[in-house]
Amino acid sequence: MLIGEVARRSGVSARMLRHYDSLGLVRPTGRNGAGYREYSGEDIRRIFHVESLRSLGLSLREVGQALDDPGFAPSELVDDLVRRTRDRIARETELLTRLRRIGAAEPGGWQGVLQVVALLQALGSQSPGTRQSAALSSAEEVPVPVEALVEAVLGETDPNVAGALRWALARSDGGGGALLAEGLSSPVAEVRVRAVRSLAEIPDDEATALLRDALAHPDVVVRGYAALALGARGTADAVPTLIDMVAEGTNDVEAADALSALASRPGPADRIATGLVDRLARGGAGPSARRRLAQALADIPGTTASRALVELAHDEDRGVALTAAYVLRVRDAR
C-alpha cells in the first residue's frame, strides 16, 4: 500500500508518515513493480501502535523505545505519565481558577485585568507584609475576588494577615458565606477555626444563619466561636453553649460577658438565669465550675439569679461561698 492510500485509510497525514520514516519509527518495508516503497500489513499495524502510544502522551522517542526495546518496562513509563498528567491538570486548574477570579472582578479594561492579576499574585506571596497589603487594598481601586479572599483566609497562618483578610472579606459584596461553610467541614481543625472566625466578622443574615448551624458542630472550638459571635449579635440560641463554656472554663470570661450582654435584653435574662442554675444543679460540677457559674450570675438580673447566689454563698467550698457572697454584696450595692 502506497503512502497516499495509507494516509487516507489511517488518518495519519502523508507528511507525518514521512516524518516517521525519517526517524526510523515506521519504515515501509515492501516495493511494488515500479520500485516504489510500499507499506506492508505489519507496517500499518505499527503505525496504529505508534498512534495509540502517542495518544497516551508519549513522545516519539518514547514510542520508539516502547516498541523496539525488549527490556522496556511499561509500568515505569505509565507511572511517569500519570505524574506528568496530574501536574498538567494542576497547572490548568490553577489557570482556570485565576481566569474565573479575574472574570468575577469584572475588570473594565486590560489595566483592570493587570491590577487583579497583581492582587492575586500578592495574596499568594511568601511575604506576610505583601499579603497583608493586598488584603487591605481599597475595594474601590482593585475589587478583591471573594473566592480568592476565602481561599487566602482559610490557609493563612499569620495572625495579622488573617485579621486583614477577615476585614476585607467582611467588606466584600457577599458570597463568601457559602464558601466559608465548606471550610467548616474541613478535616483540618485550623481551617475550621479560620472559617468560623471569618463568619463571625461578616455582619449579614447568611453568616448569622451559618453560625447558628455551627452551634451543633462536632468541633467544640467551632461551637465556642459561633456562640460568642451570636451572643454579640443578640441571638439567644447561643445561650446553652455559652453556659457550657463558662462551666467548662473554655473562654469562660468572654462567654460570661456575652451572657451578660444578652441578659440586658428583656427576653433572654430569665432563660440565662435558669440555664445557669440548671447547670449548677447537675452532678459533677466541681468547685472551679461553681465559682465560674457564680461569677457569671453576677450580671444576670432577676430573682432566679439572686436565689442561686444565696445558695452558693453557703457552698461547702470556701472559695465558691466567698465568691457568691461577694457577688451578692455587689448586686445589693447596685
Protein backbone atom coordinates (compact mmCIF):
# COMPACT_ATOMS: atom_id res chain seq x y z
CA MET A 1 0.00 0.00 0.00
CA LEU A 2 1.48 3.33 -1.09
CA ILE A 3 1.83 6.30 1.25
CA GLY A 4 -1.17 8.21 -0.11
CA GLU A 5 -3.56 5.31 0.46
CA VAL A 6 -2.10 4.61 3.92
CA ALA A 7 -2.63 8.26 4.85
CA ARG A 8 -6.22 8.15 3.60
CA ARG A 9 -7.09 4.96 5.46
CA SER A 10 -5.18 5.56 8.70
CA GLY A 11 -5.93 9.25 9.18
CA VAL A 12 -2.20 9.95 9.60
CA SER A 13 -1.03 12.58 7.16
CA ALA A 14 1.50 11.71 4.47
CA ARG A 15 3.76 14.39 5.93
CA MET A 16 3.69 12.69 9.35
CA LEU A 17 4.28 9.28 7.77
CA ARG A 18 7.40 10.67 6.03
CA HIS A 19 8.47 12.07 9.44
CA TYR A 20 8.04 8.64 10.99
CA ASP A 21 10.12 7.19 8.16
CA SER A 22 12.91 9.76 8.66
CA LEU A 23 13.05 8.92 12.37
CA GLY A 24 13.15 5.19 11.64
CA LEU A 25 9.92 4.80 13.60
CA VAL A 26 7.82 3.28 10.76
CA ARG A 27 9.62 2.48 7.51
CA PRO A 28 7.76 0.88 4.59
CA THR A 29 9.38 -2.49 4.01
CA GLY A 30 7.95 -3.53 0.60
CA ARG A 31 8.41 -2.48 -3.04
CA ASN A 32 5.90 -2.51 -5.87
CA GLY A 33 6.62 -3.38 -9.52
CA ALA A 34 7.63 0.20 -10.28
CA GLY A 35 10.11 0.22 -7.45
CA TYR A 36 8.06 2.43 -5.09
CA ARG A 37 8.21 1.59 -1.42
CA GLU A 38 5.05 0.09 -0.02
CA TYR A 39 3.69 -0.36 3.49
CA SER A 40 3.08 -3.95 4.46
CA GLY A 41 0.33 -5.12 6.77
CA GLU A 42 2.87 -5.27 9.61
CA ASP A 43 3.96 -1.69 8.85
CA ILE A 44 0.37 -0.48 9.07
CA ARG A 45 -0.13 -2.27 12.36
CA ARG A 46 2.99 -0.48 13.67
CA ILE A 47 1.51 2.85 12.56
CA PHE A 48 -1.58 2.20 14.66
CA HIS A 49 0.62 1.13 17.59
CA VAL A 50 2.54 4.41 17.28
CA GLU A 51 -0.67 6.45 17.24
CA SER A 52 -2.07 4.55 20.21
CA LEU A 53 1.02 5.23 22.31
CA ARG A 54 1.10 8.88 21.23
CA SER A 55 -2.49 9.22 22.44
CA LEU A 56 -1.22 8.41 25.95
CA GLY A 57 1.09 11.41 25.85
CA LEU A 58 4.33 9.64 24.92
CA SER A 59 6.92 11.47 22.86
CA LEU A 60 8.04 9.91 19.57
CA ARG A 61 11.34 8.96 21.21
CA GLU A 62 9.45 7.17 24.00
CA VAL A 63 7.19 5.48 21.42
CA GLY A 64 10.22 4.12 19.58
CA GLN A 65 11.74 2.90 22.86
CA ALA A 66 8.48 1.22 23.85
CA LEU A 67 8.17 -0.62 20.52
CA ASP A 68 11.80 -1.60 19.93
CA ASP A 69 13.45 -2.13 23.33
CA PRO A 70 12.81 -5.71 24.58
CA GLY A 71 13.75 -4.69 28.13
CA PHE A 72 11.43 -1.68 28.20
CA ALA A 73 9.30 -1.56 31.38
CA PRO A 74 5.90 -0.04 30.56
CA SER A 75 4.86 0.31 34.21
CA GLU A 76 7.60 2.87 34.89
CA LEU A 77 6.64 4.94 31.87
CA VAL A 78 2.94 4.76 32.74
CA ASP A 79 3.69 5.93 36.28
CA ASP A 80 5.66 8.84 34.86
CA LEU A 81 2.80 9.69 32.51
CA VAL A 82 0.37 9.69 35.43
CA ARG A 83 2.61 12.12 37.34
CA ARG A 84 3.02 14.42 34.34
CA THR A 85 -0.71 14.38 33.65
CA ARG A 86 -1.51 15.27 37.25
CA ASP A 87 0.98 18.14 37.15
CA ARG A 88 -0.54 19.40 33.92
CA ILE A 89 -4.07 19.18 35.33
CA ALA A 90 -2.96 21.07 38.45
CA ARG A 91 -1.45 23.83 36.30
CA GLU A 92 -4.53 24.04 34.11
CA THR A 93 -6.82 24.07 37.14
CA GLU A 94 -4.80 26.88 38.69
CA LEU A 95 -5.04 28.84 35.47
CA LEU A 96 -8.78 28.22 35.22
CA THR A 97 -9.26 29.39 38.80
CA ARG A 98 -7.26 32.54 38.13
CA LEU A 99 -9.25 33.31 34.99
CA ARG A 100 -12.56 32.79 36.81
CA ARG A 101 -11.49 35.14 39.56
CA ILE A 102 -10.43 37.78 37.07
CA GLY A 103 -13.82 37.44 35.40
CA ALA A 104 -15.62 37.71 38.75
CA ALA A 105 -13.83 41.01 39.43
CA GLU A 106 -15.35 42.39 36.19
CA PRO A 107 -12.36 44.50 35.16
CA GLY A 108 -13.24 47.39 32.85
CA GLY A 109 -10.18 47.01 30.64
CA TRP A 110 -6.75 45.48 30.36
CA GLN A 111 -5.44 47.79 33.07
CA GLY A 112 -8.07 46.37 35.39
CA VAL A 113 -7.10 42.83 34.40
CA LEU A 114 -3.46 43.56 35.23
CA GLN A 115 -4.45 45.04 38.60
CA VAL A 116 -6.46 41.96 39.53
CA VAL A 117 -3.62 39.65 38.43
CA ALA A 118 -1.17 41.65 40.55
CA LEU A 119 -3.53 41.43 43.52
CA LEU A 120 -3.93 37.66 43.16
CA GLN A 121 -0.17 37.23 42.96
CA ALA A 122 0.26 39.39 46.07
CA LEU A 123 -2.25 37.29 48.01
CA GLY A 124 -0.12 34.24 47.22
CA SER A 125 3.18 35.92 48.11
CA GLN A 126 5.64 34.38 50.55
CA SER A 127 5.88 37.74 52.32
CA PRO A 128 3.29 38.34 55.09
CA GLY A 129 3.60 42.08 54.56
CA THR A 130 2.77 41.75 50.88
CA ARG A 131 -0.22 39.53 51.64
CA GLN A 132 -1.47 41.96 54.26
CA SER A 133 -1.13 44.94 51.91
CA ALA A 134 -3.08 43.04 49.26
CA ALA A 135 -5.86 42.26 51.74
CA LEU A 136 -6.07 45.90 52.79
CA SER A 137 -6.17 47.20 49.20
CA SER A 138 -9.04 49.54 48.60
CA ALA A 139 -12.04 47.62 47.26
CA GLU A 140 -12.86 50.63 45.10
CA GLU A 141 -9.49 50.61 43.34
CA VAL A 142 -8.99 46.86 42.99
CA PRO A 143 -12.05 44.68 43.66
CA VAL A 144 -10.93 41.62 45.61
CA PRO A 145 -12.48 38.40 44.25
CA VAL A 146 -14.38 36.75 47.10
CA GLU A 147 -13.18 33.25 46.18
CA ALA A 148 -9.58 34.42 46.40
CA LEU A 149 -10.17 36.03 49.78
CA VAL A 150 -11.83 32.91 51.19
CA GLU A 151 -9.05 30.65 49.93
CA ALA A 152 -6.46 33.02 51.38
CA VAL A 153 -8.11 33.39 54.79
CA LEU A 154 -8.63 29.63 55.19
CA GLY A 155 -4.95 29.00 54.52
CA GLU A 156 -3.43 31.98 56.36
CA THR A 157 -1.24 31.26 59.40
CA ASP A 158 -0.01 34.78 60.18
CA PRO A 159 -2.47 36.38 62.67
CA ASN A 160 -2.02 39.91 61.34
CA VAL A 161 -2.58 38.87 57.74
CA ALA A 162 -5.55 36.72 58.79
CA GLY A 163 -7.14 39.71 60.52
CA ALA A 164 -6.71 41.85 57.42
CA LEU A 165 -8.21 39.13 55.24
CA ARG A 166 -11.23 38.75 57.54
CA TRP A 167 -11.71 42.52 57.42
CA ALA A 168 -11.54 42.52 53.62
CA LEU A 169 -13.96 39.60 53.42
CA ALA A 170 -16.45 41.35 55.70
CA ARG A 171 -16.30 44.41 53.43
CA SER A 172 -16.85 42.42 50.25
CA ASP A 173 -20.13 42.34 48.37
CA GLY A 174 -21.07 38.95 49.83
CA GLY A 175 -20.96 35.42 48.56
CA GLY A 176 -18.26 34.33 50.96
CA GLY A 177 -20.60 32.64 53.42
CA ALA A 178 -21.24 29.52 51.36
CA LEU A 179 -17.53 29.12 50.66
CA LEU A 180 -16.66 29.52 54.35
CA ALA A 181 -19.32 26.92 55.18
CA GLU A 182 -17.24 24.44 53.17
CA GLY A 183 -14.29 25.38 55.37
CA LEU A 184 -16.32 24.38 58.44
CA SER A 185 -16.37 20.84 57.02
CA SER A 186 -12.60 20.68 56.57
CA PRO A 187 -10.80 17.72 58.20
CA VAL A 188 -8.16 20.22 59.39
CA ALA A 189 -9.03 21.81 62.75
CA GLU A 190 -7.14 25.04 62.00
CA VAL A 191 -9.11 25.55 58.79
CA ARG A 192 -12.42 25.07 60.62
CA VAL A 193 -11.44 27.70 63.17
CA ARG A 194 -10.42 30.18 60.45
CA ALA A 195 -13.75 29.60 58.74
CA VAL A 196 -15.88 30.25 61.83
CA ARG A 197 -13.82 33.28 62.85
CA SER A 198 -14.29 34.73 59.38
CA LEU A 199 -18.05 34.12 59.54
CA ALA A 200 -18.11 35.87 62.93
CA GLU A 201 -16.95 39.10 61.27
CA ILE A 202 -19.43 39.06 58.40
CA PRO A 203 -22.48 41.06 59.53
CA ASP A 204 -25.13 39.65 57.20
CA ASP A 205 -28.05 37.27 57.69
CA GLU A 206 -26.39 34.44 55.78
CA ALA A 207 -23.41 34.45 58.15
CA THR A 208 -25.74 34.54 61.18
CA ALA A 209 -27.64 31.51 59.87
CA LEU A 210 -24.39 29.62 59.28
CA LEU A 211 -23.21 30.48 62.80
CA ARG A 212 -26.47 29.11 64.19
CA ASP A 213 -25.85 25.88 62.32
CA ALA A 214 -22.32 25.82 63.73
CA LEU A 215 -23.72 25.60 67.27
CA ALA A 216 -24.32 21.92 66.50
CA HIS A 217 -20.85 21.39 65.01
CA PRO A 218 -18.94 18.36 66.35
CA ASP A 219 -15.87 20.56 66.94
CA VAL A 220 -16.21 22.20 70.37
CA VAL A 221 -13.89 25.05 69.34
CA VAL A 222 -16.08 25.88 66.37
CA ARG A 223 -19.16 25.82 68.60
CA GLY A 224 -17.47 28.20 71.02
CA TYR A 225 -16.53 30.79 68.38
CA ALA A 226 -20.02 30.57 66.89
CA ALA A 227 -21.66 31.08 70.29
CA LEU A 228 -19.52 34.12 71.11
CA ALA A 229 -20.32 35.69 67.74
CA LEU A 230 -24.03 35.01 68.08
CA GLY A 231 -24.05 36.35 71.63
CA ALA A 232 -22.60 39.61 70.34
CA ARG A 233 -25.42 39.72 67.79
CA GLY A 234 -28.06 39.23 70.48
CA THR A 235 -29.01 35.73 69.36
CA ALA A 236 -30.40 33.77 72.32
CA ASP A 237 -29.77 30.43 70.56
CA ALA A 238 -26.19 30.73 71.79
CA VAL A 239 -27.14 30.66 75.50
CA PRO A 240 -26.73 26.87 76.16
CA THR A 241 -23.30 26.78 74.51
CA LEU A 242 -22.17 29.90 76.35
CA ILE A 243 -23.23 28.38 79.68
CA ASP A 244 -21.28 25.21 78.85
CA MET A 245 -18.22 27.34 78.08
CA VAL A 246 -18.46 29.06 81.46
CA ALA A 247 -18.84 25.77 83.33
CA GLU A 248 -16.02 24.08 81.43
CA GLY A 249 -13.63 27.03 81.61
CA THR A 250 -13.35 27.43 77.85
CA ASN A 251 -13.10 31.16 77.08
CA ASP A 252 -15.28 31.49 80.15
CA VAL A 253 -14.68 35.23 80.66
CA GLU A 254 -15.75 36.04 77.10
CA ALA A 255 -18.71 33.66 77.41
CA ALA A 256 -19.83 35.31 80.69
CA ASP A 257 -19.57 38.74 79.04
CA ALA A 258 -21.71 37.50 76.16
CA LEU A 259 -24.32 36.17 78.60
CA SER A 260 -24.32 39.49 80.43
CA ALA A 261 -24.91 41.37 77.18
CA LEU A 262 -27.74 39.02 76.24
CA ALA A 263 -29.29 39.35 79.70
CA SER A 264 -29.60 43.11 79.23
CA ARG A 265 -32.37 42.37 76.76
CA PRO A 266 -35.89 41.77 78.11
CA GLY A 267 -36.41 38.19 76.92
CA PRO A 268 -33.23 36.17 77.48
CA ALA A 269 -32.46 37.14 81.12
CA ASP A 270 -34.75 34.53 82.73
CA ARG A 271 -33.62 31.86 80.28
CA ILE A 272 -29.97 32.57 81.08
CA ALA A 273 -30.54 32.53 84.84
CA THR A 274 -32.48 29.27 84.60
CA GLY A 275 -29.78 27.73 82.42
CA LEU A 276 -27.00 28.69 84.86
CA VAL A 277 -29.00 27.32 87.81
CA ASP A 278 -29.70 24.08 85.94
CA ARG A 279 -26.01 23.71 85.20
CA LEU A 280 -25.23 24.20 88.88
CA ALA A 281 -27.75 21.50 89.78
CA ARG A 282 -26.11 18.93 87.56
CA GLY A 283 -23.91 16.38 89.23
CA GLY A 284 -20.19 16.66 88.70
CA ALA A 285 -19.88 20.46 88.76
CA GLY A 286 -16.67 20.90 90.75
CA PRO A 287 -15.70 23.93 92.85
CA SER A 288 -13.97 25.70 89.93
CA ALA A 289 -17.05 25.30 87.73
CA ARG A 290 -19.36 26.50 90.53
CA ARG A 291 -17.17 29.53 91.10
CA ARG A 292 -17.23 30.45 87.41
CA LEU A 293 -21.01 29.99 87.29
CA ALA A 294 -21.39 32.21 90.36
CA GLN A 295 -19.33 34.91 88.66
CA ALA A 296 -21.47 34.62 85.53
CA LEU A 297 -24.63 35.09 87.65
CA ALA A 298 -23.32 38.44 88.86
CA ASP A 299 -24.66 40.40 85.89
CA ILE A 300 -27.84 38.39 85.33
CA PRO A 301 -30.83 40.34 86.71
CA GLY A 302 -33.82 38.77 88.46
CA THR A 303 -34.75 36.73 91.48
CA THR A 304 -33.70 33.40 89.97
CA ALA A 305 -30.08 34.51 89.82
CA SER A 306 -30.25 36.05 93.31
CA ARG A 307 -31.65 32.88 94.89
CA ALA A 308 -28.94 30.79 93.26
CA LEU A 309 -26.26 33.12 94.61
CA VAL A 310 -27.70 32.91 98.12
CA GLU A 311 -27.42 29.13 97.98
CA LEU A 312 -23.89 29.34 96.62
CA ALA A 313 -22.93 31.68 99.48
CA HIS A 314 -23.35 28.61 101.73
CA ASP A 315 -21.43 26.28 99.41
CA GLU A 316 -19.23 23.67 101.06
CA ASP A 317 -16.25 25.02 99.12
CA ARG A 318 -14.98 28.19 100.80
CA GLY A 319 -13.82 29.75 97.53
CA VAL A 320 -17.23 29.29 95.93
CA ALA A 321 -19.01 30.64 99.03
CA LEU A 322 -16.80 33.73 99.21
CA THR A 323 -17.25 34.42 95.50
CA ALA A 324 -21.04 34.15 95.76
CA ALA A 325 -21.15 36.34 98.88
CA TYR A 326 -19.06 39.00 97.17
CA VAL A 327 -21.28 38.93 94.10
CA LEU A 328 -24.37 39.34 96.31
CA ARG A 329 -22.86 42.39 98.04
CA VAL A 330 -22.10 43.96 94.64
CA ARG A 331 -25.67 43.27 93.45
CA ASP A 332 -27.13 44.75 96.65
CA ALA A 333 -24.95 47.84 96.25
CA ARG A 334 -26.44 48.42 92.84
